[in-house]
Amino acid sequence: MIKVDKNLNCNWKFEYGDVGQATTTDFDDSEWYDVGLPHSFGIPYFMENDFYGYTRYHKILITFLYK
């Protein structure tokens, strides 16, 4: 088996609110914001200084096994 280190900080999706259905594999996040990590939903991304509540991050991870 070959070990590969990969930076997972890029290509995340972000949305305000508690989006419970986002845990399904066929969830459509195309309308969500594109962000990288680390991420702040305050300045400079969305100019929000006073947001309090739930947010959701989403990323699809694919694992390949090499022999």
PDB file of N, CA and C in Angstrom:
ATOM      1  N   MET A   1       0.853  -1.181   0.000  1.00  0.00           N
ATOM      2  CA  MET A   1       0.000   0.000   0.000  1.00  0.00           C
ATOM      3  C   MET A   1       0.893   1.237   0.000  1.00  0.00           C
ATOM      4  N   ILE A   2       0.506   2.248  -0.772  1.00  0.00           N
ATOM      5  CA  ILE A   2       1.241   3.498  -0.867  1.00  0.00           C
ATOM      6  C   ILE A   2       0.519   4.548  -0.044  1.00  0.00           C
ATOM      7  N   LYS A   3       1.274   5.245   0.790  1.00  0.00           N
ATOM      8  CA  LYS A   3       0.700   6.326   1.590  1.00  0.00           C
ATOM      9  C   LYS A   3       0.885   7.637   0.839  1.00  0.00           C
ATOM     10  N   VAL A   4      -0.195   8.409   0.745  1.00  0.00           N
ATOM     11  CA  VAL A   4      -0.164   9.699   0.075  1.00  0.00           C
ATOM     12  C   VAL A   4      -0.706  10.748   1.036  1.00  0.00           C
ATOM     13  N   ASP A   5       0.066  11.801   1.259  1.00  0.00           N
ATOM     14  CA  ASP A   5      -0.405  12.918   2.075  1.00  0.00           C
ATOM     15  C   ASP A   5      -1.097  13.925   1.165  1.00  0.00           C
ATOM     16  N   LYS A   6      -2.287  14.345   1.557  1.00  0.00           N
ATOM     17  CA  LYS A   6      -3.071  15.276   0.745  1.00  0.00           C
ATOM     18  C   LYS A   6      -3.624  16.379   1.631  1.00  0.00           C
ATOM     19  N   ASN A   7      -3.462  17.619   1.209  1.00  0.00           N
ATOM     20  CA  ASN A   7      -4.023  18.759   1.923  1.00  0.00           C
ATOM     21  C   ASN A   7      -5.518  18.836   1.608  1.00  0.00           C
ATOM     22  N   LEU A   8      -6.350  18.741   2.641  1.00  0.00           N
ATOM     23  CA  LEU A   8      -7.801  18.740   2.446  1.00  0.00           C
ATOM     24  C   LEU A   8      -8.431  20.099   2.678  1.00  0.00           C
ATOM     25  N   ASN A   9      -7.645  21.166   2.742  1.00  0.00           N
ATOM     26  CA  ASN A   9      -8.159  22.491   3.080  1.00  0.00           C
ATOM     27  C   ASN A   9      -8.872  23.198   1.935  1.00  0.00           C
ATOM     28  N   CYS A  10      -8.713  22.763   0.712  1.00  0.00           N
ATOM     29  CA  CYS A  10      -9.331  23.478  -0.412  1.00  0.00           C
ATOM     30  C   CYS A  10     -10.612  22.774  -0.867  1.00  0.00           C
ATOM     31  N   ASN A  11     -11.399  23.511  -1.639  1.00  0.00           N
ATOM     32  CA  ASN A  11     -12.610  22.999  -2.296  1.00  0.00           C
ATOM     33  C   ASN A  11     -13.703  22.526  -1.337  1.00  0.00           C
ATOM     34  N   TRP A  12     -13.960  23.301  -0.311  1.00  0.00           N
ATOM     35  CA  TRP A  12     -15.071  23.035   0.594  1.00  0.00           C
ATOM     36  C   TRP A  12     -16.275  23.861   0.164  1.00  0.00           C
ATOM     37  N   LYS A  13     -17.454  23.459   0.597  1.00  0.00           N
ATOM     38  CA  LYS A  13     -18.690  24.202   0.399  1.00  0.00           C
ATOM     39  C   LYS A  13     -19.180  24.668   1.763  1.00  0.00           C
ATOM     40  N   PHE A  14     -19.829  25.831   1.807  1.00  0.00           N
ATOM     41  CA  PHE A  14     -20.277  26.428   3.061  1.00  0.00           C
ATOM     42  C   PHE A  14     -21.676  26.983   2.893  1.00  0.00           C
ATOM     43  N   GLU A  15     -22.498  26.831   3.949  1.00  0.00           N
ATOM     44  CA  GLU A  15     -23.840  27.414   3.933  1.00  0.00           C
ATOM     45  C   GLU A  15     -24.249  27.762   5.357  1.00  0.00           C
ATOM     46  N   TYR A  16     -24.971  28.865   5.490  1.00  0.00           N
ATOM     47  CA  TYR A  16     -25.544  29.240   6.780  1.00  0.00           C
ATOM     48  C   TYR A  16     -26.725  28.322   7.084  1.00  0.00           C
ATOM     49  N   GLY A  17     -26.947  28.057   8.367  1.00  0.00           N
ATOM     50  CA  GLY A  17     -28.127  27.306   8.784  1.00  0.00           C
ATOM     51  C   GLY A  17     -27.834  25.845   9.013  1.00  0.00           C
ATOM     52  N   ASP A  18     -28.803  25.165   9.600  1.00  0.00           N
ATOM     53  CA  ASP A  18     -28.700  23.741   9.883  1.00  0.00           C
ATOM     54  C   ASP A  18     -29.339  22.984   8.729  1.00  0.00           C
ATOM     55  N   VAL A  19     -28.509  22.519   7.814  1.00  0.00           N
ATOM     56  CA  VAL A  19     -28.988  21.828   6.617  1.00  0.00           C
ATOM     57  C   VAL A  19     -28.849  20.328   6.866  1.00  0.00           C
ATOM     58  N   GLY A  20     -29.812  19.745   7.528  1.00  0.00           N
ATOM     59  CA  GLY A  20     -29.735  18.350   7.945  1.00  0.00           C
ATOM     60  C   GLY A  20     -29.593  17.357   6.812  1.00  0.00           C
ATOM     61  N   GLN A  21     -30.249  17.615   5.681  1.00  0.00           N
ATOM     62  CA  GLN A  21     -30.191  16.680   4.563  1.00  0.00           C
ATOM     63  C   GLN A  21     -28.836  16.673   3.861  1.00  0.00           C
ATOM     64  N   ALA A  22     -27.910  17.523   4.266  1.00  0.00           N
ATOM     65  CA  ALA A  22     -26.586  17.591   3.623  1.00  0.00           C
ATOM     66  C   ALA A  22     -25.738  16.367   3.916  1.00  0.00           C
ATOM     67  N   THR A  23     -26.213  15.462   4.735  1.00  0.00           N
ATOM     68  CA  THR A  23     -25.442  14.258   5.050  1.00  0.00           C
ATOM     69  C   THR A  23     -25.650  13.139   4.045  1.00  0.00           C
ATOM     70  N   THR A  24     -26.575  13.299   3.111  1.00  0.00           N
ATOM     71  CA  THR A  24     -26.813  12.255   2.126  1.00  0.00           C
ATOM     72  C   THR A  24     -25.792  12.347   0.990  1.00  0.00           C
ATOM     73  N   THR A  25     -25.510  11.219   0.360  1.00  0.00           N
ATOM     74  CA  THR A  25     -24.485  11.190  -0.693  1.00  0.00           C
ATOM     75  C   THR A  25     -24.925  11.885  -1.973  1.00  0.00           C
ATOM     76  N   ASP A  26     -26.225  12.024  -2.195  1.00  0.00           N
ATOM     77  CA  ASP A  26     -26.712  12.661  -3.420  1.00  0.00           C
ATOM     78  C   ASP A  26     -27.140  14.115  -3.198  1.00  0.00           C
ATOM     79  N   PHE A  27     -26.701  14.716  -2.098  1.00  0.00           N
ATOM     80  CA  PHE A  27     -27.080  16.094  -1.783  1.00  0.00           C
ATOM     81  C   PHE A  27     -26.475  17.068  -2.786  1.00  0.00           C
ATOM     82  N   ASP A  28     -27.264  18.028  -3.242  1.00  0.00           N
ATOM     83  CA  ASP A  28     -26.811  19.036  -4.208  1.00  0.00           C
ATOM     84  C   ASP A  28     -26.360  20.292  -3.468  1.00  0.00           C
ATOM     85  N   ASP A  29     -25.050  20.524  -3.427  1.00  0.00           N
ATOM     86  CA  ASP A  29     -24.500  21.705  -2.756  1.00  0.00           C
ATOM     87  C   ASP A  29     -24.029  22.756  -3.762  1.00  0.00           C
ATOM     88  N   SER A  30     -24.520  22.699  -4.985  1.00  0.00           N
ATOM     89  CA  SER A  30     -24.048  23.601  -6.042  1.00  0.00           C
ATOM     90  C   SER A  30     -24.379  25.063  -5.768  1.00  0.00           C
ATOM     91  N   GLU A  31     -25.380  25.332  -4.948  1.00  0.00           N
ATOM     92  CA  GLU A  31     -25.743  26.709  -4.615  1.00  0.00           C
ATOM     93  C   GLU A  31     -25.010  27.229  -3.385  1.00  0.00           C
ATOM     94  N   TRP A  32     -24.189  26.401  -2.760  1.00  0.00           N
ATOM     95  CA  TRP A  32     -23.452  26.807  -1.565  1.00  0.00           C
ATOM     96  C   TRP A  32     -22.235  27.637  -1.966  1.00  0.00           C
ATOM     97  N   TYR A  33     -21.672  28.341  -0.986  1.00  0.00           N
ATOM     98  CA  TYR A  33     -20.467  29.147  -1.203  1.00  0.00           C
ATOM     99  C   TYR A  33     -19.236  28.248  -1.314  1.00  0.00           C
ATOM    100  N   ASP A  34     -18.329  28.579  -2.217  1.00  0.00           N
ATOM    101  CA  ASP A  34     -17.034  27.892  -2.311  1.00  0.00           C
ATOM    102  C   ASP A  34     -16.075  28.546  -1.336  1.00  0.00           C
ATOM    103  N   VAL A  35     -15.464  27.747  -0.449  1.00  0.00           N
ATOM    104  CA  VAL A  35     -14.528  28.275   0.539  1.00  0.00           C
ATOM    105  C   VAL A  35     -13.357  27.319   0.681  1.00  0.00           C
ATOM    106  N   GLY A  36     -12.306  27.803   1.293  1.00  0.00           N
ATOM    107  CA  GLY A  36     -11.169  26.988   1.696  1.00  0.00           C
ATOM    108  C   GLY A  36     -11.030  27.082   3.205  1.00  0.00           C
ATOM    109  N   LEU A  37     -10.303  26.167   3.773  1.00  0.00           N
ATOM    110  CA  LEU A  37     -10.070  26.165   5.219  1.00  0.00           C
ATOM    111  C   LEU A  37      -8.653  26.635   5.513  1.00  0.00           C
ATOM    112  N   PRO A  38      -8.402  27.305   6.590  1.00  0.00           N
ATOM    113  CA  PRO A  38      -9.383  27.733   7.583  1.00  0.00           C
ATOM    114  C   PRO A  38     -10.300  28.806   7.002  1.00  0.00           C
ATOM    115  N   HIS A  39     -11.512  28.855   7.496  1.00  0.00           N
ATOM    116  CA  HIS A  39     -12.539  29.746   6.972  1.00  0.00           C
ATOM    117  C   HIS A  39     -13.239  30.456   8.117  1.00  0.00           C
ATOM    118  N   SER A  40     -13.557  31.709   7.909  1.00  0.00           N
ATOM    119  CA  SER A  40     -14.353  32.473   8.855  1.00  0.00           C
ATOM    120  C   SER A  40     -15.552  33.010   8.118  1.00  0.00           C
ATOM    121  N   PHE A  41     -16.752  32.781   8.644  1.00  0.00           N
ATOM    122  CA  PHE A  41     -17.932  33.299   7.958  1.00  0.00           C
ATOM    123  C   PHE A  41     -18.156  34.755   8.288  1.00  0.00           C
ATOM    124  N   GLY A  42     -17.191  35.362   8.927  1.00  0.00           N
ATOM    125  CA  GLY A  42     -17.196  36.802   9.136  1.00  0.00           C
ATOM    126  C   GLY A  42     -16.335  37.458   8.072  1.00  0.00           C
ATOM    127  N   ILE A  43     -15.772  38.571   8.404  1.00  0.00           N
ATOM    128  CA  ILE A  43     -14.911  39.311   7.487  1.00  0.00           C
ATOM    129  C   ILE A  43     -13.696  38.456   7.158  1.00  0.00           C
ATOM    130  N   PRO A  44     -13.172  38.391   5.942  1.00  0.00           N
ATOM    131  CA  PRO A  44     -13.550  39.156   4.752  1.00  0.00           C
ATOM    132  C   PRO A  44     -14.523  38.439   3.835  1.00  0.00           C
ATOM    133  N   TYR A  45     -14.877  37.189   4.116  1.00  0.00           N
ATOM    134  CA  TYR A  45     -15.700  36.429   3.172  1.00  0.00           C
ATOM    135  C   TYR A  45     -17.081  37.034   2.951  1.00  0.00           C
ATOM    136  N   PHE A  46     -17.852  37.188   4.000  1.00  0.00           N
ATOM    137  CA  PHE A  46     -19.247  37.544   3.830  1.00  0.00           C
ATOM    138  C   PHE A  46     -19.627  38.824   4.555  1.00  0.00           C
ATOM    139  N   MET A  47     -18.654  39.510   5.115  1.00  0.00           N
ATOM    140  CA  MET A  47     -18.871  40.783   5.795  1.00  0.00           C
ATOM    141  C   MET A  47     -19.919  40.677   6.899  1.00  0.00           C
ATOM    142  N   GLU A  48     -19.913  39.579   7.621  1.00  0.00           N
ATOM    143  CA  GLU A  48     -20.848  39.359   8.719  1.00  0.00           C
ATOM    144  C   GLU A  48     -20.114  39.529  10.037  1.00  0.00           C
ATOM    145  N   ASN A  49     -20.512  40.487  10.835  1.00  0.00           N
ATOM    146  CA  ASN A  49     -19.907  40.676  12.147  1.00  0.00           C
ATOM    147  C   ASN A  49     -20.756  40.108  13.268  1.00  0.00           C
ATOM    148  N   ASP A  50     -22.043  39.926  13.024  1.00  0.00           N
ATOM    149  CA  ASP A  50     -22.943  39.582  14.111  1.00  0.00           C
ATOM    150  C   ASP A  50     -23.786  38.339  13.839  1.00  0.00           C
ATOM    151  N   PHE A  51     -23.256  37.379  13.086  1.00  0.00           N
ATOM    152  CA  PHE A  51     -24.003  36.158  12.836  1.00  0.00           C
ATOM    153  C   PHE A  51     -23.848  35.198  14.005  1.00  0.00           C
ATOM    154  N   TYR A  52     -24.978  34.687  14.488  1.00  0.00           N
ATOM    155  CA  TYR A  52     -24.989  33.661  15.537  1.00  0.00           C
ATOM    156  C   TYR A  52     -25.953  32.577  15.091  1.00  0.00           C
ATOM    157  N   GLY A  53     -25.505  31.358  15.083  1.00  0.00           N
ATOM    158  CA  GLY A  53     -26.380  30.270  14.678  1.00  0.00           C
ATOM    159  C   GLY A  53     -25.585  29.128  14.085  1.00  0.00           C
ATOM    160  N   TYR A  54     -26.263  28.264  13.361  1.00  0.00           N
ATOM    161  CA  TYR A  54     -25.648  27.088  12.776  1.00  0.00           C
ATOM    162  C   TYR A  54     -25.078  27.393  11.400  1.00  0.00           C
ATOM    163  N   THR A  55     -24.036  26.674  11.062  1.00  0.00           N
ATOM    164  CA  THR A  55     -23.485  26.697   9.705  1.00  0.00           C
ATOM    165  C   THR A  55     -23.155  25.264   9.327  1.00  0.00           C
ATOM    166  N   ARG A  56     -22.909  25.034   8.044  1.00  0.00           N
ATOM    167  CA  ARG A  56     -22.593  23.687   7.589  1.00  0.00           C
ATOM    168  C   ARG A  56     -21.481  23.757   6.558  1.00  0.00           C
ATOM    169  N   TYR A  57     -20.503  22.866   6.697  1.00  0.00           N
ATOM    170  CA  TYR A  57     -19.443  22.691   5.709  1.00  0.00           C
ATOM    171  C   TYR A  57     -19.646  21.335   5.045  1.00  0.00           C
ATOM    172  N   HIS A  58     -19.278  21.247   3.780  1.00  0.00           N
ATOM    173  CA  HIS A  58     -19.508  20.009   3.030  1.00  0.00           C
ATOM    174  C   HIS A  58     -18.340  19.775   2.084  1.00  0.00           C
ATOM    175  N   LYS A  59     -17.868  18.545   2.051  1.00  0.00           N
ATOM    176  CA  LYS A  59     -16.809  18.157   1.121  1.00  0.00           C
ATOM    177  C   LYS A  59     -16.959  16.672   0.832  1.00  0.00           C
ATOM    178  N   ILE A  60     -16.765  16.306  -0.402  1.00  0.00           N
ATOM    179  CA  ILE A  60     -16.811  14.899  -0.781  1.00  0.00           C
ATOM    180  C   ILE A  60     -15.378  14.380  -0.802  1.00  0.00           C
ATOM    181  N   LEU A  61     -15.146  13.320  -0.059  1.00  0.00           N
ATOM    182  CA  LEU A  61     -13.826  12.692  -0.001  1.00  0.00           C
ATOM    183  C   LEU A  61     -13.895  11.336  -0.687  1.00  0.00           C
ATOM    184  N   ILE A  62     -12.948  11.092  -1.546  1.00  0.00           N
ATOM    185  CA  ILE A  62     -12.884   9.813  -2.265  1.00  0.00           C
ATOM    186  C   ILE A  62     -11.570   9.149  -1.900  1.00  0.00           C
ATOM    187  N   THR A  63     -11.656   7.893  -1.528  1.00  0.00           N
ATOM    188  CA  THR A  63     -10.469   7.137  -1.139  1.00  0.00           C
ATOM    189  C   THR A  63     -10.147   6.117  -2.215  1.00  0.00           C
ATOM    190  N   PHE A  64      -8.896   6.103  -2.627  1.00  0.00           N
ATOM    191  CA  PHE A  64      -8.420   5.101  -3.575  1.00  0.00           C
ATOM    192  C   PHE A  64      -7.408   4.213  -2.884  1.00  0.00           C
ATOM    193  N   LEU A  65      -7.476   2.949  -3.118  1.00  0.00           N
ATOM    194  CA  LEU A  65      -6.481   2.014  -2.582  1.00  0.00           C
ATOM    195  C   LEU A  65      -5.567   1.601  -3.722  1.00  0.00           C
ATOM    196  N   TYR A  66      -4.284   1.842  -3.531  1.00  0.00           N
ATOM    197  CA  TYR A  66      -3.284   1.447  -4.529  1.00  0.00           C
ATOM    198  C   TYR A  66      -2.524   0.246  -4.006  1.00  0.00           C
ATOM    199  N   LYS A  67      -2.251  -0.671  -4.880  1.00  0.00           N
ATOM    200  CA  LYS A  67      -1.466  -1.854  -4.493  1.00  0.00           C
ATOM    201  C   LYS A  67      -0.099  -1.794  -5.112  1.00  0.00           C
TER     202      LYS A  67
END
